[in-house]
Amino acid sequence: MSAASIIFFLVFLIPLTGLLIWVMRQDKRKGKIGLYVLAFIVIVGIWFMYLMTKGK
């Protein structure tokens, strides 16, 4: 793994995963809020990749 990958995992992925697990455990409606947050993050990620690659 490169240094950029390690930094990404340590700074973004691990805290985000912890946050999603915490939100899903706090939700009394069977994890719906966690799924909404996850869907939002995926949509924003796809949109961001589309913008950065200029649709290629």
PDB file of N, CA and C in Angstrom:
ATOM      1  N   MET A   1       0.835  -1.182   0.000  1.00  0.00           N
ATOM      2  CA  MET A   1       0.000   0.000   0.000  1.00  0.00           C
ATOM      3  C   MET A   1       0.876   1.240   0.000  1.00  0.00           C
ATOM      4  N   SER A   2       0.430   2.239  -0.718  1.00  0.00           N
ATOM      5  CA  SER A   2       1.186   3.488  -0.742  1.00  0.00           C
ATOM      6  C   SER A   2       0.842   4.330   0.481  1.00  0.00           C
ATOM      7  N   ALA A   3       1.624   5.371   0.681  1.00  0.00           N
ATOM      8  CA  ALA A   3       1.400   6.249   1.834  1.00  0.00           C
ATOM      9  C   ALA A   3       0.042   6.941   1.742  1.00  0.00           C
ATOM     10  N   ALA A   4      -0.359   7.302   0.528  1.00  0.00           N
ATOM     11  CA  ALA A   4      -1.657   7.965   0.360  1.00  0.00           C
ATOM     12  C   ALA A   4      -2.800   7.038   0.767  1.00  0.00           C
ATOM     13  N   SER A   5      -2.695   5.767   0.449  1.00  0.00           N
ATOM     14  CA  SER A   5      -3.734   4.806   0.826  1.00  0.00           C
ATOM     15  C   SER A   5      -3.810   4.640   2.338  1.00  0.00           C
ATOM     16  N   ILE A   6      -2.654   4.578   2.976  1.00  0.00           N
ATOM     17  CA  ILE A   6      -2.629   4.426   4.434  1.00  0.00           C
ATOM     18  C   ILE A   6      -3.229   5.652   5.106  1.00  0.00           C
ATOM     19  N   ILE A   7      -2.879   6.838   4.609  1.00  0.00           N
ATOM     20  CA  ILE A   7      -3.439   8.075   5.169  1.00  0.00           C
ATOM     21  C   ILE A   7      -4.945   8.100   4.973  1.00  0.00           C
ATOM     22  N   PHE A   8      -5.419   7.697   3.788  1.00  0.00           N
ATOM     23  CA  PHE A   8      -6.857   7.669   3.528  1.00  0.00           C
ATOM     24  C   PHE A   8      -7.564   6.754   4.519  1.00  0.00           C
ATOM     25  N   PHE A   9      -7.026   5.559   4.725  1.00  0.00           N
ATOM     26  CA  PHE A   9      -7.650   4.617   5.651  1.00  0.00           C
ATOM     27  C   PHE A   9      -7.669   5.152   7.069  1.00  0.00           C
ATOM     28  N   LEU A  10      -6.559   5.711   7.525  1.00  0.00           N
ATOM     29  CA  LEU A  10      -6.468   6.179   8.909  1.00  0.00           C
ATOM     30  C   LEU A  10      -7.301   7.423   9.165  1.00  0.00           C
ATOM     31  N   VAL A  11      -7.319   8.346   8.216  1.00  0.00           N
ATOM     32  CA  VAL A  11      -7.965   9.636   8.445  1.00  0.00           C
ATOM     33  C   VAL A  11      -9.442   9.619   8.080  1.00  0.00           C
ATOM     34  N   PHE A  12      -9.811   8.913   7.024  1.00  0.00           N
ATOM     35  CA  PHE A  12     -11.187   8.993   6.548  1.00  0.00           C
ATOM     36  C   PHE A  12     -11.992   7.715   6.752  1.00  0.00           C
ATOM     37  N   LEU A  13     -11.474   6.604   6.310  1.00  0.00           N
ATOM     38  CA  LEU A  13     -12.278   5.382   6.268  1.00  0.00           C
ATOM     39  C   LEU A  13     -12.584   4.809   7.647  1.00  0.00           C
ATOM     40  N   ILE A  14     -11.601   4.726   8.515  1.00  0.00           N
ATOM     41  CA  ILE A  14     -11.833   4.150   9.845  1.00  0.00           C
ATOM     42  C   ILE A  14     -12.787   5.012  10.675  1.00  0.00           C
ATOM     43  N   PRO A  15     -12.587   6.349  10.754  1.00  0.00           N
ATOM     44  CA  PRO A  15     -13.561   7.162  11.504  1.00  0.00           C
ATOM     45  C   PRO A  15     -14.961   7.141  10.883  1.00  0.00           C
ATOM     46  N   LEU A  16     -15.040   7.128   9.552  1.00  0.00           N
ATOM     47  CA  LEU A  16     -16.349   7.089   8.900  1.00  0.00           C
ATOM     48  C   LEU A  16     -17.070   5.787   9.209  1.00  0.00           C
ATOM     49  N   THR A  17     -16.358   4.685   9.177  1.00  0.00           N
ATOM     50  CA  THR A  17     -16.958   3.398   9.510  1.00  0.00           C
ATOM     51  C   THR A  17     -17.433   3.388  10.954  1.00  0.00           C
ATOM     52  N   GLY A  18     -16.615   3.917  11.856  1.00  0.00           N
ATOM     53  CA  GLY A  18     -17.017   4.008  13.259  1.00  0.00           C
ATOM     54  C   GLY A  18     -18.246   4.879  13.445  1.00  0.00           C
ATOM     55  N   LEU A  19     -18.297   5.997  12.742  1.00  0.00           N
ATOM     56  CA  LEU A  19     -19.461   6.889  12.818  1.00  0.00           C
ATOM     57  C   LEU A  19     -20.721   6.194  12.317  1.00  0.00           C
ATOM     58  N   LEU A  20     -20.621   5.490  11.201  1.00  0.00           N
ATOM     59  CA  LEU A  20     -21.793   4.791  10.667  1.00  0.00           C
ATOM     60  C   LEU A  20     -22.273   3.703  11.625  1.00  0.00           C
ATOM     61  N   ILE A  21     -21.351   2.966  12.216  1.00  0.00           N
ATOM     62  CA  ILE A  21     -21.744   1.934  13.181  1.00  0.00           C
ATOM     63  C   ILE A  21     -22.422   2.572  14.384  1.00  0.00           C
ATOM     64  N   TRP A  22     -21.879   3.683  14.877  1.00  0.00           N
ATOM     65  CA  TRP A  22     -22.468   4.376  16.023  1.00  0.00           C
ATOM     66  C   TRP A  22     -23.865   4.893  15.684  1.00  0.00           C
ATOM     67  N   VAL A  23     -24.035   5.505  14.506  1.00  0.00           N
ATOM     68  CA  VAL A  23     -25.347   6.033  14.108  1.00  0.00           C
ATOM     69  C   VAL A  23     -26.354   4.899  13.992  1.00  0.00           C
ATOM     70  N   MET A  24     -25.948   3.785  13.407  1.00  0.00           N
ATOM     71  CA  MET A  24     -26.869   2.661  13.249  1.00  0.00           C
ATOM     72  C   MET A  24     -27.261   2.071  14.604  1.00  0.00           C
ATOM     73  N   ARG A  25     -26.359   2.066  15.568  1.00  0.00           N
ATOM     74  CA  ARG A  25     -26.701   1.547  16.901  1.00  0.00           C
ATOM     75  C   ARG A  25     -27.606   2.502  17.664  1.00  0.00           C
ATOM     76  N   GLN A  26     -27.493   3.795  17.425  1.00  0.00           N
ATOM     77  CA  GLN A  26     -28.318   4.775  18.117  1.00  0.00           C
ATOM     78  C   GLN A  26     -29.732   4.833  17.543  1.00  0.00           C
ATOM     79  N   ASP A  27     -29.888   4.413  16.297  1.00  0.00           N
ATOM     80  CA  ASP A  27     -31.174   4.512  15.608  1.00  0.00           C
ATOM     81  C   ASP A  27     -32.123   3.427  16.112  1.00  0.00           C
ATOM     82  N   LYS A  28     -33.282   3.840  16.550  1.00  0.00           N
ATOM     83  CA  LYS A  28     -34.283   2.891  17.051  1.00  0.00           C
ATOM     84  C   LYS A  28     -35.176   2.343  15.934  1.00  0.00           C
ATOM     85  N   ARG A  29     -35.022   2.874  14.719  1.00  0.00           N
ATOM     86  CA  ARG A  29     -35.853   2.439  13.599  1.00  0.00           C
ATOM     87  C   ARG A  29     -35.113   1.465  12.691  1.00  0.00           C
ATOM     88  N   LYS A  30     -34.377   0.551  13.301  1.00  0.00           N
ATOM     89  CA  LYS A  30     -33.702  -0.546  12.606  1.00  0.00           C
ATOM     90  C   LYS A  30     -32.645  -0.079  11.603  1.00  0.00           C
ATOM     91  N   GLY A  31     -31.922   0.967  11.918  1.00  0.00           N
ATOM     92  CA  GLY A  31     -30.781   1.379  11.106  1.00  0.00           C
ATOM     93  C   GLY A  31     -31.096   2.189   9.874  1.00  0.00           C
ATOM     94  N   LYS A  32     -32.286   2.751   9.783  1.00  0.00           N
ATOM     95  CA  LYS A  32     -32.638   3.498   8.579  1.00  0.00           C
ATOM     96  C   LYS A  32     -31.799   4.757   8.414  1.00  0.00           C
ATOM     97  N   ILE A  33     -31.495   5.438   9.507  1.00  0.00           N
ATOM     98  CA  ILE A  33     -30.696   6.657   9.399  1.00  0.00           C
ATOM     99  C   ILE A  33     -29.299   6.323   8.881  1.00  0.00           C
ATOM    100  N   GLY A  34     -28.720   5.250   9.361  1.00  0.00           N
ATOM    101  CA  GLY A  34     -27.403   4.831   8.881  1.00  0.00           C
ATOM    102  C   GLY A  34     -27.408   4.524   7.397  1.00  0.00           C
ATOM    103  N   LEU A  35     -28.466   3.887   6.931  1.00  0.00           N
ATOM    104  CA  LEU A  35     -28.571   3.597   5.502  1.00  0.00           C
ATOM    105  C   LEU A  35     -28.731   4.872   4.691  1.00  0.00           C
ATOM    106  N   TYR A  36     -29.490   5.839   5.215  1.00  0.00           N
ATOM    107  CA  TYR A  36     -29.635   7.122   4.527  1.00  0.00           C
ATOM    108  C   TYR A  36     -28.300   7.853   4.456  1.00  0.00           C
ATOM    109  N   VAL A  37     -27.550   7.838   5.551  1.00  0.00           N
ATOM    110  CA  VAL A  37     -26.232   8.485   5.570  1.00  0.00           C
ATOM    111  C   VAL A  37     -25.300   7.799   4.579  1.00  0.00           C
ATOM    112  N   LEU A  38     -25.299   6.480   4.564  1.00  0.00           N
ATOM    113  CA  LEU A  38     -24.457   5.733   3.640  1.00  0.00           C
ATOM    114  C   LEU A  38     -24.836   6.028   2.190  1.00  0.00           C
ATOM    115  N   ALA A  39     -26.133   6.056   1.878  1.00  0.00           N
ATOM    116  CA  ALA A  39     -26.584   6.363   0.521  1.00  0.00           C
ATOM    117  C   ALA A  39     -26.153   7.772   0.119  1.00  0.00           C
ATOM    118  N   PHE A  40     -26.265   8.725   1.037  1.00  0.00           N
ATOM    119  CA  PHE A  40     -25.855  10.098   0.753  1.00  0.00           C
ATOM    120  C   PHE A  40     -24.362  10.164   0.446  1.00  0.00           C
ATOM    121  N   ILE A  41     -23.557   9.462   1.241  1.00  0.00           N
ATOM    122  CA  ILE A  41     -22.111   9.469   1.027  1.00  0.00           C
ATOM    123  C   ILE A  41     -21.759   8.846  -0.321  1.00  0.00           C
ATOM    124  N   VAL A  42     -22.428   7.763  -0.684  1.00  0.00           N
ATOM    125  CA  VAL A  42     -22.167   7.115  -1.971  1.00  0.00           C
ATOM    126  C   VAL A  42     -22.540   8.042  -3.117  1.00  0.00           C
ATOM    127  N   ILE A  43     -23.691   8.701  -3.035  1.00  0.00           N
ATOM    128  CA  ILE A  43     -24.132   9.608  -4.095  1.00  0.00           C
ATOM    129  C   ILE A  43     -23.166  10.778  -4.240  1.00  0.00           C
ATOM    130  N   VAL A  44     -22.752  11.365  -3.123  1.00  0.00           N
ATOM    131  CA  VAL A  44     -21.800  12.480  -3.172  1.00  0.00           C
ATOM    132  C   VAL A  44     -20.460  12.006  -3.734  1.00  0.00           C
ATOM    133  N   GLY A  45     -20.028  10.812  -3.371  1.00  0.00           N
ATOM    134  CA  GLY A  45     -18.771  10.270  -3.893  1.00  0.00           C
ATOM    135  C   GLY A  45     -18.815  10.066  -5.398  1.00  0.00           C
ATOM    136  N   ILE A  46     -19.915   9.528  -5.899  1.00  0.00           N
ATOM    137  CA  ILE A  46     -20.066   9.328  -7.344  1.00  0.00           C
ATOM    138  C   ILE A  46     -20.091  10.667  -8.061  1.00  0.00           C
ATOM    139  N   TRP A  47     -20.819  11.622  -7.515  1.00  0.00           N
ATOM    140  CA  TRP A  47     -20.899  12.961  -8.106  1.00  0.00           C
ATOM    141  C   TRP A  47     -19.522  13.616  -8.139  1.00  0.00           C
ATOM    142  N   PHE A  48     -18.768  13.507  -7.036  1.00  0.00           N
ATOM    143  CA  PHE A  48     -17.439  14.097  -6.953  1.00  0.00           C
ATOM    144  C   PHE A  48     -16.495  13.458  -7.974  1.00  0.00           C
ATOM    145  N   MET A  49     -16.532  12.123  -8.097  1.00  0.00           N
ATOM    146  CA  MET A  49     -15.684  11.453  -9.084  1.00  0.00           C
ATOM    147  C   MET A  49     -16.046  11.890 -10.491  1.00  0.00           C
ATOM    148  N   TYR A  50     -17.338  12.062 -10.767  1.00  0.00           N
ATOM    149  CA  TYR A  50     -17.776  12.510 -12.084  1.00  0.00           C
ATOM    150  C   TYR A  50     -17.239  13.906 -12.373  1.00  0.00           C
ATOM    151  N   LEU A  51     -17.303  14.797 -11.385  1.00  0.00           N
ATOM    152  CA  LEU A  51     -16.786  16.150 -11.579  1.00  0.00           C
ATOM    153  C   LEU A  51     -15.274  16.155 -11.787  1.00  0.00           C
ATOM    154  N   MET A  52     -14.553  15.368 -11.016  1.00  0.00           N
ATOM    155  CA  MET A  52     -13.088  15.369 -11.106  1.00  0.00           C
ATOM    156  C   MET A  52     -12.585  14.731 -12.402  1.00  0.00           C
ATOM    157  N   THR A  53     -13.313  13.761 -12.938  1.00  0.00           N
ATOM    158  CA  THR A  53     -12.889  13.132 -14.191  1.00  0.00           C
ATOM    159  C   THR A  53     -13.524  13.804 -15.395  1.00  0.00           C
ATOM    160  N   LYS A  54     -14.352  14.805 -15.143  1.00  0.00           N
ATOM    161  CA  LYS A  54     -15.050  15.554 -16.194  1.00  0.00           C
ATOM    162  C   LYS A  54     -15.876  14.640 -17.095  1.00  0.00           C
ATOM    163  N   GLY A  55     -16.491  13.636 -16.508  1.00  0.00           N
ATOM    164  CA  GLY A  55     -17.412  12.760 -17.222  1.00  0.00           C
ATOM    165  C   GLY A  55     -16.751  11.719 -18.106  1.00  0.00           C
ATOM    166  N   LYS A  56     -15.453  11.511 -17.977  1.00  0.00           N
ATOM    167  CA  LYS A  56     -14.762  10.539 -18.838  1.00  0.00           C
ATOM    168  C   LYS A  56     -14.835   9.161 -18.242  1.00  0.00           C
TER     169      LYS A  56
END
